[in-house]
C-alpha atoms as a PDB file:
ATOM      1  CA  MET A   1      90.189  96.551 112.656  1.00  0.00           C
ATOM      2  CA  ASP A   2      93.379  98.143 113.922  1.00  0.00           C
ATOM      3  CA  LEU A   3      95.783  99.304 111.181  1.00  0.00           C
ATOM      4  CA  PHE A   4      99.210 100.454 112.340  1.00  0.00           C
ATOM      5  CA  LYS A   5     102.876 100.862 111.392  1.00  0.00           C
ATOM      6  CA  VAL A   6     105.415  99.102 113.584  1.00  0.00           C
ATOM      7  CA  ASP A   7     109.027  99.845 114.468  1.00  0.00           C
ATOM      8  CA  THR A   8     109.840  96.302 115.553  1.00  0.00           C
ATOM      9  CA  LEU A   9     108.295  92.929 114.788  1.00  0.00           C
ATOM     10  CA  THR A  10     109.304  91.243 118.032  1.00  0.00           C
ATOM     11  CA  PRO A  11     105.953  91.622 119.866  1.00  0.00           C
ATOM     12  CA  TYR A  12     104.097  90.261 116.814  1.00  0.00           C
ATOM     13  CA  LEU A  13     106.444  87.438 115.829  1.00  0.00           C
ATOM     14  CA  ASN A  14     104.118  84.523 116.653  1.00  0.00           C
ATOM     15  CA  ASP A  15     101.217  86.080 114.735  1.00  0.00           C
ATOM     16  CA  LEU A  16     103.470  86.923 111.780  1.00  0.00           C
ATOM     17  CA  VAL A  17     104.849  83.376 111.632  1.00  0.00           C
ATOM     18  CA  ALA A  18     101.286  82.001 111.555  1.00  0.00           C
ATOM     19  CA  LEU A  19     100.286  84.586 108.926  1.00  0.00           C
ATOM     20  CA  LEU A  20     103.197  83.716 106.629  1.00  0.00           C
ATOM     21  CA  ILE A  21     102.666  79.966 106.928  1.00  0.00           C
ATOM     22  CA  ASP A  22      98.933  80.418 106.253  1.00  0.00           C
ATOM     23  CA  ALA A  23      99.651  82.561 103.173  1.00  0.00           C
ATOM     24  CA  VAL A  24     102.169  80.097 101.756  1.00  0.00           C
ATOM     25  CA  ASP A  25      99.963  77.078 102.499  1.00  0.00           C
ATOM     26  CA  ASN A  26      97.097  78.794 100.666  1.00  0.00           C
ATOM     27  CA  GLY A  27      99.141  79.483  97.539  1.00  0.00           C
ATOM     28  CA  ALA A  28     100.125  83.141  97.970  1.00  0.00           C
ATOM     29  CA  ALA A  29     102.721  84.267  95.436  1.00  0.00           C
ATOM     30  CA  ILE A  30     105.105  85.803  97.960  1.00  0.00           C
ATOM     31  CA  GLY A  31     108.399  84.076  97.222  1.00  0.00           C
ATOM     32  CA  PHE A  32     108.026  80.863  99.219  1.00  0.00           C
ATOM     33  CA  LEU A  33     106.900  77.360  98.348  1.00  0.00           C
ATOM     34  CA  PRO A  34     104.965  75.080 100.685  1.00  0.00           C
ATOM     35  CA  PRO A  35     105.520  73.547 103.041  1.00  0.00           C
ATOM     36  CA  LEU A  36     107.114  76.422 104.942  1.00  0.00           C
ATOM     37  CA  SER A  37     108.482  75.386 108.322  1.00  0.00           C
ATOM     38  CA  GLU A  38     107.961  77.427 111.440  1.00  0.00           C
ATOM     39  CA  GLN A  39     111.731  77.963 111.715  1.00  0.00           C
ATOM     40  CA  GLU A  40     111.936  79.252 108.132  1.00  0.00           C
ATOM     41  CA  ALA A  41     109.127  81.700 108.905  1.00  0.00           C
ATOM     42  CA  ILE A  42     110.826  82.843 112.127  1.00  0.00           C
ATOM     43  CA  ASP A  43     114.135  83.333 110.310  1.00  0.00           C
ATOM     44  CA  TYR A  44     112.395  85.302 107.565  1.00  0.00           C
ATOM     45  CA  TRP A  45     110.636  87.690 109.959  1.00  0.00           C
ATOM     46  CA  GLN A  46     113.819  88.167 111.998  1.00  0.00           C
ATOM     47  CA  SER A  47     115.687  89.159 108.826  1.00  0.00           C
ATOM     48  CA  ILE A  48     112.894  91.600 107.963  1.00  0.00           C
ATOM     49  CA  ASN A  49     113.070  93.035 111.488  1.00  0.00           C
ATOM     50  CA  ASP A  50     116.817  93.581 110.954  1.00  0.00           C
ATOM     51  CA  GLU A  51     116.067  95.463 107.716  1.00  0.00           C
ATOM     52  CA  MET A  52     113.534  97.607 109.567  1.00  0.00           C
ATOM     53  CA  GLN A  53     116.160  98.535 112.153  1.00  0.00           C
ATOM     54  CA  GLN A  54     118.430  99.636 109.279  1.00  0.00           C
ATOM     55  CA  ASN A  55     115.592 101.816 107.858  1.00  0.00           C
ATOM     56  CA  ALA A  56     115.510  99.719 104.697  1.00  0.00           C
ATOM     57  CA  ARG A  57     111.924  98.563 105.188  1.00  0.00           C
ATOM     58  CA  GLN A  58     108.638  99.679 106.737  1.00  0.00           C
ATOM     59  CA  ILE A  59     105.790  97.382 107.819  1.00  0.00           C
ATOM     60  CA  VAL A  60     102.075  98.046 108.236  1.00  0.00           C
ATOM     61  CA  LEU A  61      99.989  95.479 110.099  1.00  0.00           C
ATOM     62  CA  VAL A  62      96.280  94.934 110.537  1.00  0.00           C
ATOM     63  CA  ARG A  63      94.970  93.411 113.718  1.00  0.00           C
ATOM     64  CA  GLU A  64      91.600  91.905 114.568  1.00  0.00           C
ATOM     65  CA  GLN A  65      90.827  91.067 118.205  1.00  0.00           C
ATOM     66  CA  GLU A  66      94.480  91.529 119.223  1.00  0.00           C
ATOM     67  CA  THR A  67      95.743  89.115 116.542  1.00  0.00           C
ATOM     68  CA  VAL A  68      97.754  90.243 113.519  1.00  0.00           C
ATOM     69  CA  VAL A  69      95.857  88.991 110.474  1.00  0.00           C
ATOM     70  CA  GLY A  70      97.515  90.983 107.695  1.00  0.00           C
ATOM     71  CA  ALA A  71     100.779  92.667 106.745  1.00  0.00           C
ATOM     72  CA  ILE A  72     102.286  94.708 103.951  1.00  0.00           C
ATOM     73  CA  GLN A  73     105.878  95.825 103.469  1.00  0.00           C
ATOM     74  CA  LEU A  74     107.514  98.841 101.906  1.00  0.00           C
ATOM     75  CA  GLU A  75     111.008  98.146 100.639  1.00  0.00           C
ATOM     76  CA  LEU A  76     112.782 101.496 100.628  1.00  0.00           C
ATOM     77  CA  SER A  77     115.382 102.097  97.956  1.00  0.00           C
ATOM     78  CA  ALA A  78     118.925 102.826  99.158  1.00  0.00           C
ATOM     79  CA  LYS A  79     120.153 103.814  95.699  1.00  0.00           C
ATOM     80  CA  ALA A  80     121.127 107.483  95.388  1.00  0.00           C
ATOM     81  CA  ASN A  81     119.101 107.916  92.211  1.00  0.00           C
ATOM     82  CA  ALA A  82     116.052 106.082  93.566  1.00  0.00           C
ATOM     83  CA  LEU A  83     115.407 107.522  97.023  1.00  0.00           C
ATOM     84  CA  HIS A  84     112.031 108.760  95.764  1.00  0.00           C
ATOM     85  CA  ARG A  85     110.622 105.265  95.250  1.00  0.00           C
ATOM     86  CA  ALA A  86     109.627 102.205  97.241  1.00  0.00           C
ATOM     87  CA  GLY A  87     108.302  98.751  96.453  1.00  0.00           C
ATOM     88  CA  ILE A  88     105.263  97.017  97.920  1.00  0.00           C
ATOM     89  CA  GLU A  89     106.179  93.494  99.032  1.00  0.00           C
ATOM     90  CA  LYS A  90     104.762  90.531 100.959  1.00  0.00           C
ATOM     91  CA  TRP A  91     101.192  91.854 101.004  1.00  0.00           C
ATOM     92  CA  MET A  92      99.144  89.201 102.787  1.00  0.00           C
ATOM     93  CA  VAL A  93      95.919  88.683 104.711  1.00  0.00           C
ATOM     94  CA  ARG A  94      95.208  85.514 106.679  1.00  0.00           C
ATOM     95  CA  SER A  95      92.929  83.238 104.645  1.00  0.00           C
ATOM     96  CA  ASP A  96      90.091  83.253 107.183  1.00  0.00           C
ATOM     97  CA  TYR A  97      89.992  87.091 107.121  1.00  0.00           C
ATOM     98  CA  GLN A  98      90.021  87.615 103.359  1.00  0.00           C
ATOM     99  CA  GLY A  99      87.085  89.325 101.694  1.00  0.00           C
ATOM    100  CA  GLN A 100      86.674  91.906 104.462  1.00  0.00           C
ATOM    101  CA  GLY A 101      88.580  94.803 102.886  1.00  0.00           C
ATOM    102  CA  LEU A 102      91.745  94.262 104.909  1.00  0.00           C
ATOM    103  CA  GLY A 103      93.971  93.987 101.823  1.00  0.00           C
ATOM    104  CA  LYS A 104      92.704  97.334 100.563  1.00  0.00           C
ATOM    105  CA  ALA A 105      93.207  98.893 104.013  1.00  0.00           C
ATOM    106  CA  LEU A 106      96.784  97.573 104.141  1.00  0.00           C
ATOM    107  CA  LEU A 107      97.567  99.012 100.707  1.00  0.00           C
ATOM    108  CA  GLN A 108      96.126 102.395 101.666  1.00  0.00           C
ATOM    109  CA  GLY A 109      98.130 102.316 104.901  1.00  0.00           C
ATOM    110  CA  ALA A 110     101.339 101.531 103.019  1.00  0.00           C
ATOM    111  CA  GLU A 111     100.657 104.417 100.640  1.00  0.00           C
ATOM    112  CA  LYS A 112     100.243 106.786 103.608  1.00  0.00           C
ATOM    113  CA  VAL A 113     103.466 105.571 105.197  1.00  0.00           C
ATOM    114  CA  ALA A 114     105.289 105.993 101.887  1.00  0.00           C
ATOM    115  CA  ALA A 115     103.933 109.523 101.438  1.00  0.00           C
ATOM    116  CA  SER A 116     105.072 110.450 104.960  1.00  0.00           C
ATOM    117  CA  LEU A 117     108.593 109.295 103.975  1.00  0.00           C
ATOM    118  CA  ASN A 118     108.616 111.628 100.928  1.00  0.00           C
ATOM    119  CA  THR A 119     108.167 108.748  98.534  1.00  0.00           C
ATOM    120  CA  GLU A 120     106.817 109.773  95.137  1.00  0.00           C
ATOM    121  CA  LEU A 121     106.636 106.447  93.307  1.00  0.00           C
ATOM    122  CA  LEU A 122     105.464 103.016  94.405  1.00  0.00           C
ATOM    123  CA  THR A 123     105.841  99.742  92.529  1.00  0.00           C
ATOM    124  CA  CYS A 124     104.238  96.361  93.066  1.00  0.00           C
ATOM    125  CA  ASP A 125     104.332  93.048  91.258  1.00  0.00           C
ATOM    126  CA  THR A 126     101.752  90.325  91.681  1.00  0.00           C
ATOM    127  CA  ARG A 127     100.659  87.074  90.082  1.00  0.00           C
ATOM    128  CA  VAL A 128      98.393  87.669  87.080  1.00  0.00           C
ATOM    129  CA  GLY A 129      94.783  87.094  88.069  1.00  0.00           C
ATOM    130  CA  ASP A 130      95.257  87.404  91.839  1.00  0.00           C
ATOM    131  CA  LEU A 131      92.901  89.541  93.894  1.00  0.00           C
ATOM    132  CA  ALA A 132      95.787  91.988  94.361  1.00  0.00           C
ATOM    133  CA  GLU A 133      95.394  92.991  90.704  1.00  0.00           C
ATOM    134  CA  THR A 134      91.776  93.973  91.303  1.00  0.00           C
ATOM    135  CA  ILE A 135      92.648  95.992  94.403  1.00  0.00           C
ATOM    136  CA  LEU A 136      95.559  97.732  92.689  1.00  0.00           C
ATOM    137  CA  SER A 137      93.379  98.718  89.725  1.00  0.00           C
ATOM    138  CA  GLN A 138      90.608  99.977  92.023  1.00  0.00           C
ATOM    139  CA  GLN A 139      93.147 102.109  93.915  1.00  0.00           C
ATOM    140  CA  ALA A 140      94.377 103.881  90.750  1.00  0.00           C
ATOM    141  CA  TRP A 141      97.565 101.892  90.259  1.00  0.00           C
ATOM    142  CA  GLN A 142      98.737 101.668  86.641  1.00  0.00           C
ATOM    143  CA  LYS A 143      99.620  98.345  85.048  1.00  0.00           C
ATOM    144  CA  VAL A 144     102.913  98.439  83.176  1.00  0.00           C
ATOM    145  CA  GLY A 145     102.655  94.963  81.714  1.00  0.00           C
ATOM    146  CA  GLU A 146     103.219  91.293  82.362  1.00  0.00           C
ATOM    147  CA  VAL A 147     106.283  89.088  82.595  1.00  0.00           C
ATOM    148  CA  PRO A 148     105.658  85.524  81.410  1.00  0.00           C
ATOM    149  CA  GLN A 149     106.750  82.538  83.499  1.00  0.00           C
ATOM    150  CA  TYR A 150     107.958  84.815  86.290  1.00  0.00           C
ATOM    151  CA  SER A 151     107.665  82.307  89.133  1.00  0.00           C
ATOM    152  CA  ARG A 152     106.804  78.690  89.653  1.00  0.00           C
ATOM    153  CA  THR A 153     104.514  76.696  91.876  1.00  0.00           C
ATOM    154  CA  VAL A 154     105.439  73.746  94.058  1.00  0.00           C
ATOM    155  CA  MET A 155     104.174  71.523  91.222  1.00  0.00           C
ATOM    156  CA  GLY A 156     106.677  73.102  88.814  1.00  0.00           C
ATOM    157  CA  THR A 157     104.182  75.037  86.700  1.00  0.00           C
ATOM    158  CA  TYR A 158     104.864  78.688  85.981  1.00  0.00           C
ATOM    159  CA  TYR A 159     102.718  81.754  86.372  1.00  0.00           C
ATOM    160  CA  ASP A 160     102.934  85.221  84.893  1.00  0.00           C
ATOM    161  CA  CYS A 161     103.578  88.384  86.876  1.00  0.00           C
ATOM    162  CA  ALA A 162     101.832  91.748  86.479  1.00  0.00           C
ATOM    163  CA  ILE A 163     103.803  94.899  87.285  1.00  0.00           C
ATOM    164  CA  TYR A 164     102.104  98.033  88.633  1.00  0.00           C
ATOM    165  CA  TYR A 165     103.119 101.525  89.731  1.00  0.00           C
ATOM    166  CA  LYS A 166     101.490 104.501  91.390  1.00  0.00           C
ATOM    167  CA  SER A 167     102.687 108.085  91.699  1.00  0.00           C
ATOM    168  CA  ILE A 168     101.880 109.589  95.090  1.00  0.00           C
ATOM    169  CA  GLU A 169     102.212 113.011  96.690  1.00  0.00           C
ATOM    170  CA  PRO A 170     104.667 113.252  99.573  1.00  0.00           C
ATOM    171  CA  THR A 171     103.157 114.668 102.751  1.00  0.00           C
ATOM    172  CA  GLN A 172     104.387 116.134 106.005  1.00  0.00           C
ATOM    173  CA  ASP A 173     101.834 114.026 107.882  1.00  0.00           C
ATOM    174  CA  LEU A 174     103.353 111.421 110.161  1.00  0.00           C
ATOM    175  CA  TYR A 175     101.895 107.943 109.986  1.00  0.00           C
ATOM    176  CA  VAL A 176     102.235 105.917 113.153  1.00  0.00           C
END
């Protein structure tokens, strides 16, 4: 397993497109509904790459055998009164690599990146009952509560969302 922060997504675009399509096709609650076209996935990752270039977002990837099989994003706040916080977003591991601890490794990597950016507070929302809830709880994240009918499935049914936070200590360590 190779866990690393990237400054550009361009070299990983094909893997990231496949990762996003796999996540959506397998029901991940990450803001998209299936079927997700390859062009939609490309456009999404290109917009995220633009945000990275504007220092609005950081990305940590996990690679197995030279293929990106997981990703997690840190959305950095641009608000003057919120520069101390960041949000975890689009946390995904390819379906055929789940159950190997890669999701936990990605979360820990994102926490280290956030700490190196002087972030003191992280937030994350996830579908109630998803594996992400278990990982967040095991990693000392605190559950704030649940929002009913937060998002819907392709079939039109709704699911609830759990909201978590974690206070972290900023560090002078660089994470690359």
